[in-house]
Amino acid sequence: MTTLPTAPQGPTPWRAVLFDLDGTLFDKRSTLAQFAAAQFVHFGLGRHIADARSWSQQFISWHMQLIPKTEVYAQLARAFALAEPLQHALLADLDANFHRSGVAYPGAVALVQKLKLAGLKTAVVTNGRDFFQRNKIQALGLIPWLDVIVTSGELGIKKPDPAIFLHCLQQLDVAPETAIFIGDNLHHDIIPARSLGLYGILKAAQPQAAADFSSDDFHAIDAHLDQLLQLAH
């Protein structure tokens, strides 16, 4: 059974901020657009596909779905009549080089750095293959600024299972009531985090009753955290 510290009484002494990765810190759509263009050129896909825009649109659409990458490239191969060896080469290239096109949302990396320098513990909790997600985090330059990284690929547990959040909190040695979670998915991130007692910030334009705060702008999230953290003093 997971044992976590108990939050002391009185104003919340915030100790940690946990982040989702894709769609929160890591701008997946922008990264996909860059990588789609890179693969089109590198593999000479113009010999097989007349319209580069069509390739990019299909590439982004399939990769934004929560399905295995093998299935993504199988679908692309069928859509564009790509030979099987080329399909496998494209997938291998994704695994090896996708992170090199990595794009962070404006203000995301600076916020993680600011929180760490302010003395809070920081972590990422993300679904996905362990090496693939860690490569993204590395590409964003976040490794030195994180205390803990938890991936579903390594742990064998996926969000929204509360166990993955509890595992991260245990690694950080903090009570749920002293931690903040920032994520872009209400059902995978915010609802399970808040059910455990974490403060939930939804990275989304539209406010949601199930979140403590909502914004898709990291500058607004930063300002809210400034206000929130002041309450602990």
C-alpha atoms as a PDB file:
ATOM      1  CA  MET A   1       0.000   0.000   0.000  1.00  0.00           C
ATOM      2  CA  THR A   2       1.299   3.469  -0.930  1.00  0.00           C
ATOM      3  CA  THR A   3       2.111   5.622   2.104  1.00  0.00           C
ATOM      4  CA  LEU A   4       2.266   9.387   1.629  1.00  0.00           C
ATOM      5  CA  PRO A   5       3.127  12.205   4.003  1.00  0.00           C
ATOM      6  CA  THR A   6       0.219  13.983   5.676  1.00  0.00           C
ATOM      7  CA  ALA A   7      -0.240  17.669   5.012  1.00  0.00           C
ATOM      8  CA  PRO A   8       0.110  19.799   8.143  1.00  0.00           C
ATOM      9  CA  GLN A   9      -2.816  21.902   9.372  1.00  0.00           C
ATOM     10  CA  GLY A  10      -3.167  25.579   8.464  1.00  0.00           C
ATOM     11  CA  PRO A  11      -2.518  27.362   5.131  1.00  0.00           C
ATOM     12  CA  THR A  12      -1.377  24.959   2.440  1.00  0.00           C
ATOM     13  CA  PRO A  13       2.436  24.714   2.361  1.00  0.00           C
ATOM     14  CA  TRP A  14       2.725  24.001  -1.359  1.00  0.00           C
ATOM     15  CA  ARG A  15       5.624  21.653  -1.984  1.00  0.00           C
ATOM     16  CA  ALA A  16       5.352  20.316  -5.544  1.00  0.00           C
ATOM     17  CA  VAL A  17       3.999  21.016  -9.014  1.00  0.00           C
ATOM     18  CA  LEU A  18       3.371  18.086 -11.358  1.00  0.00           C
ATOM     19  CA  PHE A  19       2.903  18.453 -15.111  1.00  0.00           C
ATOM     20  CA  ASP A  20       1.452  16.405 -17.920  1.00  0.00           C
ATOM     21  CA  LEU A  21       3.678  16.390 -21.034  1.00  0.00           C
ATOM     22  CA  ASP A  22       1.875  16.189 -24.390  1.00  0.00           C
ATOM     23  CA  GLY A  23      -0.499  19.083 -24.902  1.00  0.00           C
ATOM     24  CA  THR A  24       0.709  20.712 -21.688  1.00  0.00           C
ATOM     25  CA  LEU A  25       4.463  21.371 -21.850  1.00  0.00           C
ATOM     26  CA  PHE A  26       5.149  19.732 -25.218  1.00  0.00           C
ATOM     27  CA  ASP A  27       3.384  21.284 -28.221  1.00  0.00           C
ATOM     28  CA  LYS A  28       2.620  18.040 -29.966  1.00  0.00           C
ATOM     29  CA  ARG A  29       0.753  19.488 -32.939  1.00  0.00           C
ATOM     30  CA  SER A  30       3.496  21.983 -33.832  1.00  0.00           C
ATOM     31  CA  THR A  31       6.145  19.311 -33.402  1.00  0.00           C
ATOM     32  CA  LEU A  32       4.213  16.914 -35.621  1.00  0.00           C
ATOM     33  CA  ALA A  33       3.930  19.566 -38.341  1.00  0.00           C
ATOM     34  CA  GLN A  34       7.690  20.105 -38.320  1.00  0.00           C
ATOM     35  CA  PHE A  35       8.473  16.401 -38.285  1.00  0.00           C
ATOM     36  CA  ALA A  36       5.976  15.590 -41.043  1.00  0.00           C
ATOM     37  CA  ALA A  37       7.728  18.109 -43.294  1.00  0.00           C
ATOM     38  CA  ALA A  38      11.141  16.686 -42.343  1.00  0.00           C
ATOM     39  CA  GLN A  39      10.122  13.116 -43.182  1.00  0.00           C
ATOM     40  CA  PHE A  40       8.569  14.200 -46.460  1.00  0.00           C
ATOM     41  CA  VAL A  41      11.887  15.695 -47.559  1.00  0.00           C
ATOM     42  CA  HIS A  42      14.273  13.166 -45.973  1.00  0.00           C
ATOM     43  CA  PHE A  43      12.531  10.119 -47.454  1.00  0.00           C
ATOM     44  CA  GLY A  44      11.720  11.726 -50.798  1.00  0.00           C
ATOM     45  CA  LEU A  45       8.010  11.118 -50.289  1.00  0.00           C
ATOM     46  CA  GLY A  46       7.265  13.472 -53.167  1.00  0.00           C
ATOM     47  CA  ARG A  47       7.985  10.456 -55.413  1.00  0.00           C
ATOM     48  CA  HIS A  48       4.955   8.696 -53.893  1.00  0.00           C
ATOM     49  CA  ILE A  49       2.722  11.541 -52.706  1.00  0.00           C
ATOM     50  CA  ALA A  50       1.750  14.400 -55.007  1.00  0.00           C
ATOM     51  CA  ASP A  51       0.534  16.751 -52.285  1.00  0.00           C
ATOM     52  CA  ALA A  52       2.829  17.474 -49.322  1.00  0.00           C
ATOM     53  CA  ARG A  53      -0.020  19.274 -47.560  1.00  0.00           C
ATOM     54  CA  SER A  54      -2.189  16.148 -47.705  1.00  0.00           C
ATOM     55  CA  TRP A  55       0.654  14.108 -46.166  1.00  0.00           C
ATOM     56  CA  SER A  56       1.097  16.630 -43.366  1.00  0.00           C
ATOM     57  CA  GLN A  57      -2.618  16.814 -42.588  1.00  0.00           C
ATOM     58  CA  GLN A  58      -3.011  13.029 -42.451  1.00  0.00           C
ATOM     59  CA  PHE A  59       0.228  12.652 -40.507  1.00  0.00           C
ATOM     60  CA  ILE A  60      -0.903  15.095 -37.818  1.00  0.00           C
ATOM     61  CA  SER A  61      -4.459  13.750 -37.684  1.00  0.00           C
ATOM     62  CA  TRP A  62      -3.396  10.142 -37.101  1.00  0.00           C
ATOM     63  CA  HIS A  63      -0.634  10.993 -34.641  1.00  0.00           C
ATOM     64  CA  MET A  64      -2.988  13.110 -32.527  1.00  0.00           C
ATOM     65  CA  GLN A  65      -5.105  10.011 -31.872  1.00  0.00           C
ATOM     66  CA  LEU A  66      -4.280   7.831 -28.879  1.00  0.00           C
ATOM     67  CA  ILE A  67      -3.303   4.741 -30.857  1.00  0.00           C
ATOM     68  CA  PRO A  68       0.014   2.856 -31.219  1.00  0.00           C
ATOM     69  CA  LYS A  69       2.541   4.418 -33.587  1.00  0.00           C
ATOM     70  CA  THR A  70       2.715   1.156 -35.520  1.00  0.00           C
ATOM     71  CA  GLU A  71      -0.983   1.577 -36.350  1.00  0.00           C
ATOM     72  CA  VAL A  72      -0.457   5.235 -37.263  1.00  0.00           C
ATOM     73  CA  TYR A  73       2.115   4.324 -39.893  1.00  0.00           C
ATOM     74  CA  ALA A  74       0.047   1.379 -41.089  1.00  0.00           C
ATOM     75  CA  GLN A  75      -2.815   3.806 -41.725  1.00  0.00           C
ATOM     76  CA  LEU A  76      -0.525   6.262 -43.502  1.00  0.00           C
ATOM     77  CA  ALA A  77       0.920   3.471 -45.629  1.00  0.00           C
ATOM     78  CA  ARG A  78      -2.561   2.427 -46.706  1.00  0.00           C
ATOM     79  CA  ALA A  79      -3.669   6.002 -47.383  1.00  0.00           C
ATOM     80  CA  PHE A  80      -0.631   6.816 -49.543  1.00  0.00           C
ATOM     81  CA  ALA A  81       0.168   3.363 -50.914  1.00  0.00           C
ATOM     82  CA  LEU A  82       3.607   3.229 -49.284  1.00  0.00           C
ATOM     83  CA  ALA A  83       5.609   0.014 -49.463  1.00  0.00           C
ATOM     84  CA  GLU A  84       6.049  -1.916 -46.209  1.00  0.00           C
ATOM     85  CA  PRO A  85       9.848  -1.362 -45.958  1.00  0.00           C
ATOM     86  CA  LEU A  86       9.282   2.392 -46.280  1.00  0.00           C
ATOM     87  CA  GLN A  87       6.550   2.231 -43.632  1.00  0.00           C
ATOM     88  CA  HIS A  88       8.944   0.560 -41.180  1.00  0.00           C
ATOM     89  CA  ALA A  89      11.734   3.009 -42.012  1.00  0.00           C
ATOM     90  CA  LEU A  90       9.444   5.963 -41.298  1.00  0.00           C
ATOM     91  CA  LEU A  91       8.483   4.490 -37.927  1.00  0.00           C
ATOM     92  CA  ALA A  92      12.120   3.820 -36.997  1.00  0.00           C
ATOM     93  CA  ASP A  93      12.950   7.410 -37.922  1.00  0.00           C
ATOM     94  CA  LEU A  94      10.127   8.674 -35.700  1.00  0.00           C
ATOM     95  CA  ASP A  95      11.454   6.716 -32.722  1.00  0.00           C
ATOM     96  CA  ALA A  96      15.000   7.965 -33.277  1.00  0.00           C
ATOM     97  CA  ASN A  97      14.449  11.572 -34.290  1.00  0.00           C
ATOM     98  CA  PHE A  98      10.956  12.890 -33.478  1.00  0.00           C
ATOM     99  CA  HIS A  99      12.121  14.633 -30.317  1.00  0.00           C
ATOM    100  CA  ARG A 100      14.642  16.678 -32.321  1.00  0.00           C
ATOM    101  CA  SER A 101      11.712  18.661 -33.745  1.00  0.00           C
ATOM    102  CA  GLY A 102      10.334  19.231 -30.236  1.00  0.00           C
ATOM    103  CA  VAL A 103       8.488  22.485 -29.553  1.00  0.00           C
ATOM    104  CA  ALA A 104       7.481  23.707 -26.098  1.00  0.00           C
ATOM    105  CA  TYR A 105       4.483  25.945 -25.502  1.00  0.00           C
ATOM    106  CA  PRO A 106       5.504  29.576 -24.893  1.00  0.00           C
ATOM    107  CA  GLY A 107       6.340  30.075 -21.242  1.00  0.00           C
ATOM    108  CA  ALA A 108       6.252  26.368 -20.372  1.00  0.00           C
ATOM    109  CA  VAL A 109       9.956  25.743 -19.790  1.00  0.00           C
ATOM    110  CA  ALA A 110      10.418  29.075 -18.037  1.00  0.00           C
ATOM    111  CA  LEU A 111       7.627  28.202 -15.610  1.00  0.00           C
ATOM    112  CA  VAL A 112       9.152  24.845 -14.685  1.00  0.00           C
ATOM    113  CA  GLN A 113      12.504  26.550 -14.123  1.00  0.00           C
ATOM    114  CA  LYS A 114      10.920  29.299 -12.021  1.00  0.00           C
ATOM    115  CA  LEU A 115       9.106  26.818  -9.779  1.00  0.00           C
ATOM    116  CA  LYS A 116      12.230  24.743  -9.261  1.00  0.00           C
ATOM    117  CA  LEU A 117      14.308  27.805  -8.421  1.00  0.00           C
ATOM    118  CA  ALA A 118      11.588  28.877  -5.952  1.00  0.00           C
ATOM    119  CA  GLY A 119      12.232  25.674  -4.014  1.00  0.00           C
ATOM    120  CA  LEU A 120       9.299  23.553  -5.143  1.00  0.00           C
ATOM    121  CA  LYS A 121       9.653  19.974  -6.300  1.00  0.00           C
ATOM    122  CA  THR A 122       8.756  19.421  -9.949  1.00  0.00           C
ATOM    123  CA  ALA A 123       7.689  16.340 -11.893  1.00  0.00           C
ATOM    124  CA  VAL A 124       6.201  15.093 -15.143  1.00  0.00           C
ATOM    125  CA  VAL A 125       3.540  12.368 -15.222  1.00  0.00           C
ATOM    126  CA  THR A 126       2.881  11.208 -18.776  1.00  0.00           C
ATOM    127  CA  ASN A 127       1.336   8.381 -20.751  1.00  0.00           C
ATOM    128  CA  GLY A 128       3.524   6.904 -23.475  1.00  0.00           C
ATOM    129  CA  ARG A 129       6.563   4.778 -24.201  1.00  0.00           C
ATOM    130  CA  ASP A 130       9.276   5.518 -21.658  1.00  0.00           C
ATOM    131  CA  PHE A 131      12.188   6.224 -24.027  1.00  0.00           C
ATOM    132  CA  PHE A 132       9.960   8.232 -26.371  1.00  0.00           C
ATOM    133  CA  GLN A 133       8.597  10.515 -23.634  1.00  0.00           C
ATOM    134  CA  ARG A 134      11.977  10.970 -21.960  1.00  0.00           C
ATOM    135  CA  ASN A 135      13.505  11.964 -25.296  1.00  0.00           C
ATOM    136  CA  LYS A 136      10.879  14.708 -25.610  1.00  0.00           C
ATOM    137  CA  ILE A 137      11.597  15.966 -22.100  1.00  0.00           C
ATOM    138  CA  GLN A 138      15.316  15.939 -22.855  1.00  0.00           C
ATOM    139  CA  ALA A 139      14.768  17.857 -26.096  1.00  0.00           C
ATOM    140  CA  LEU A 140      12.912  20.598 -24.234  1.00  0.00           C
ATOM    141  CA  GLY A 141      15.852  20.971 -21.856  1.00  0.00           C
ATOM    142  CA  LEU A 142      13.766  20.037 -18.822  1.00  0.00           C
ATOM    143  CA  ILE A 143      15.769  17.152 -17.361  1.00  0.00           C
ATOM    144  CA  PRO A 144      17.853  19.332 -14.976  1.00  0.00           C
ATOM    145  CA  TRP A 145      14.693  21.049 -13.725  1.00  0.00           C
ATOM    146  CA  LEU A 146      12.696  17.945 -12.789  1.00  0.00           C
ATOM    147  CA  ASP A 147      12.911  15.879  -9.618  1.00  0.00           C
ATOM    148  CA  VAL A 148      10.832  12.975 -10.932  1.00  0.00           C
ATOM    149  CA  ILE A 149       9.655  11.680 -14.311  1.00  0.00           C
ATOM    150  CA  VAL A 150       6.916   9.026 -14.360  1.00  0.00           C
ATOM    151  CA  THR A 151       5.861   7.401 -17.644  1.00  0.00           C
ATOM    152  CA  SER A 152       3.135   4.840 -18.149  1.00  0.00           C
ATOM    153  CA  GLY A 153       5.543   2.874 -20.327  1.00  0.00           C
ATOM    154  CA  GLU A 154       7.945   2.404 -17.435  1.00  0.00           C
ATOM    155  CA  LEU A 155       5.382   1.960 -14.666  1.00  0.00           C
ATOM    156  CA  GLY A 156       2.822  -0.121 -16.548  1.00  0.00           C
ATOM    157  CA  ILE A 157      -0.015   2.118 -15.325  1.00  0.00           C
ATOM    158  CA  LYS A 158      -1.721   4.776 -17.436  1.00  0.00           C
ATOM    159  CA  LYS A 159      -3.578   7.937 -16.583  1.00  0.00           C
ATOM    160  CA  PRO A 160      -6.364   8.313 -15.525  1.00  0.00           C
ATOM    161  CA  ASP A 161      -5.510   5.514 -13.064  1.00  0.00           C
ATOM    162  CA  PRO A 162      -4.897   7.365  -9.762  1.00  0.00           C
ATOM    163  CA  ALA A 163      -2.065   4.931  -9.004  1.00  0.00           C
ATOM    164  CA  ILE A 164       0.266   6.695 -11.439  1.00  0.00           C
ATOM    165  CA  PHE A 165      -0.261  10.006  -9.608  1.00  0.00           C
ATOM    166  CA  LEU A 166       0.231   8.334  -6.232  1.00  0.00           C
ATOM    167  CA  HIS A 167       3.472   6.760  -7.436  1.00  0.00           C
ATOM    168  CA  CYS A 168       4.816  10.175  -8.431  1.00  0.00           C
ATOM    169  CA  LEU A 169       3.801  11.730  -5.110  1.00  0.00           C
ATOM    170  CA  GLN A 170       5.502   8.904  -3.266  1.00  0.00           C
ATOM    171  CA  GLN A 171       8.697   9.456  -5.263  1.00  0.00           C
ATOM    172  CA  LEU A 172       8.546  13.155  -4.427  1.00  0.00           C
ATOM    173  CA  ASP A 173       7.693  12.411  -0.781  1.00  0.00           C
ATOM    174  CA  VAL A 174       4.869  14.945  -0.695  1.00  0.00           C
ATOM    175  CA  ALA A 175       1.240  14.800   0.417  1.00  0.00           C
ATOM    176  CA  PRO A 176      -1.429  15.189  -2.303  1.00  0.00           C
ATOM    177  CA  GLU A 177      -2.860  18.256  -0.555  1.00  0.00           C
ATOM    178  CA  THR A 178       0.480  20.050  -0.941  1.00  0.00           C
ATOM    179  CA  ALA A 179       0.792  19.377  -4.675  1.00  0.00           C
ATOM    180  CA  ILE A 180      -0.524  21.031  -7.830  1.00  0.00           C
ATOM    181  CA  PHE A 181      -1.175  19.211 -11.112  1.00  0.00           C
ATOM    182  CA  ILE A 182      -1.194  20.981 -14.484  1.00  0.00           C
ATOM    183  CA  GLY A 183      -2.586  19.104 -17.484  1.00  0.00           C
ATOM    184  CA  ASP A 184      -4.592  19.601 -20.658  1.00  0.00           C
ATOM    185  CA  ASN A 185      -7.007  16.683 -20.321  1.00  0.00           C
ATOM    186  CA  LEU A 186      -9.887  17.009 -17.892  1.00  0.00           C
ATOM    187  CA  HIS A 187     -10.590  13.281 -17.606  1.00  0.00           C
ATOM    188  CA  HIS A 188      -7.026  11.928 -17.769  1.00  0.00           C
ATOM    189  CA  ASP A 189      -5.324  14.656 -15.731  1.00  0.00           C
ATOM    190  CA  ILE A 190      -7.500  16.924 -13.635  1.00  0.00           C
ATOM    191  CA  ILE A 191     -10.325  14.721 -12.384  1.00  0.00           C
ATOM    192  CA  PRO A 192      -8.089  11.883 -11.091  1.00  0.00           C
ATOM    193  CA  ALA A 193      -5.568  14.353  -9.639  1.00  0.00           C
ATOM    194  CA  ARG A 194      -8.248  16.300  -7.786  1.00  0.00           C
ATOM    195  CA  SER A 195      -9.858  13.084  -6.551  1.00  0.00           C
ATOM    196  CA  LEU A 196      -6.621  12.449  -4.656  1.00  0.00           C
ATOM    197  CA  GLY A 197      -6.523  15.945  -3.187  1.00  0.00           C
ATOM    198  CA  LEU A 198      -4.196  17.753  -5.602  1.00  0.00           C
ATOM    199  CA  TYR A 199      -4.999  21.257  -6.822  1.00  0.00           C
ATOM    200  CA  GLY A 200      -5.897  20.933 -10.514  1.00  0.00           C
ATOM    201  CA  ILE A 201      -5.017  23.466 -13.195  1.00  0.00           C
ATOM    202  CA  LEU A 202      -6.477  22.698 -16.626  1.00  0.00           C
ATOM    203  CA  LYS A 203      -4.497  23.998 -19.604  1.00  0.00           C
ATOM    204  CA  ALA A 204      -7.519  24.863 -21.708  1.00  0.00           C
ATOM    205  CA  ALA A 205      -9.240  28.006 -22.923  1.00  0.00           C
ATOM    206  CA  GLN A 206     -12.672  27.140 -21.553  1.00  0.00           C
ATOM    207  CA  PRO A 207     -13.154  27.038 -17.752  1.00  0.00           C
ATOM    208  CA  GLN A 208     -14.361  23.735 -16.337  1.00  0.00           C
ATOM    209  CA  ALA A 209     -16.127  23.267 -13.027  1.00  0.00           C
ATOM    210  CA  ALA A 210     -14.038  20.155 -12.356  1.00  0.00           C
ATOM    211  CA  ALA A 211     -10.813  22.221 -12.421  1.00  0.00           C
ATOM    212  CA  ASP A 212      -9.600  24.689  -9.805  1.00  0.00           C
ATOM    213  CA  PHE A 213      -8.315  27.012 -12.527  1.00  0.00           C
ATOM    214  CA  SER A 214      -8.280  26.970 -16.343  1.00  0.00           C
ATOM    215  CA  SER A 215      -6.196  28.775 -18.948  1.00  0.00           C
ATOM    216  CA  ASP A 216      -4.378  27.810 -22.138  1.00  0.00           C
ATOM    217  CA  ASP A 217      -1.840  30.619 -21.595  1.00  0.00           C
ATOM    218  CA  PHE A 218       1.221  29.810 -19.493  1.00  0.00           C
ATOM    219  CA  HIS A 219       1.636  33.461 -18.589  1.00  0.00           C
ATOM    220  CA  ALA A 220      -1.848  33.417 -17.019  1.00  0.00           C
ATOM    221  CA  ILE A 221      -1.063  30.104 -15.293  1.00  0.00           C
ATOM    222  CA  ASP A 222       2.190  31.600 -14.018  1.00  0.00           C
ATOM    223  CA  ALA A 223       0.337  34.620 -12.607  1.00  0.00           C
ATOM    224  CA  HIS A 224      -2.242  32.364 -10.946  1.00  0.00           C
ATOM    225  CA  LEU A 225       0.492  30.256  -9.376  1.00  0.00           C
ATOM    226  CA  ASP A 226       2.178  33.409  -8.069  1.00  0.00           C
ATOM    227  CA  GLN A 227      -1.064  34.333  -6.337  1.00  0.00           C
ATOM    228  CA  LEU A 228      -1.675  30.809  -5.095  1.00  0.00           C
ATOM    229  CA  LEU A 229       1.818  30.295  -3.719  1.00  0.00           C
ATOM    230  CA  GLN A 230       1.628  33.602  -1.860  1.00  0.00           C
ATOM    231  CA  LEU A 231      -1.323  32.202   0.066  1.00  0.00           C
ATOM    232  CA  ALA A 232       1.048  29.668   1.642  1.00  0.00           C
ATOM    233  CA  HIS A 233       3.179  32.354   3.296  1.00  0.00           C
END
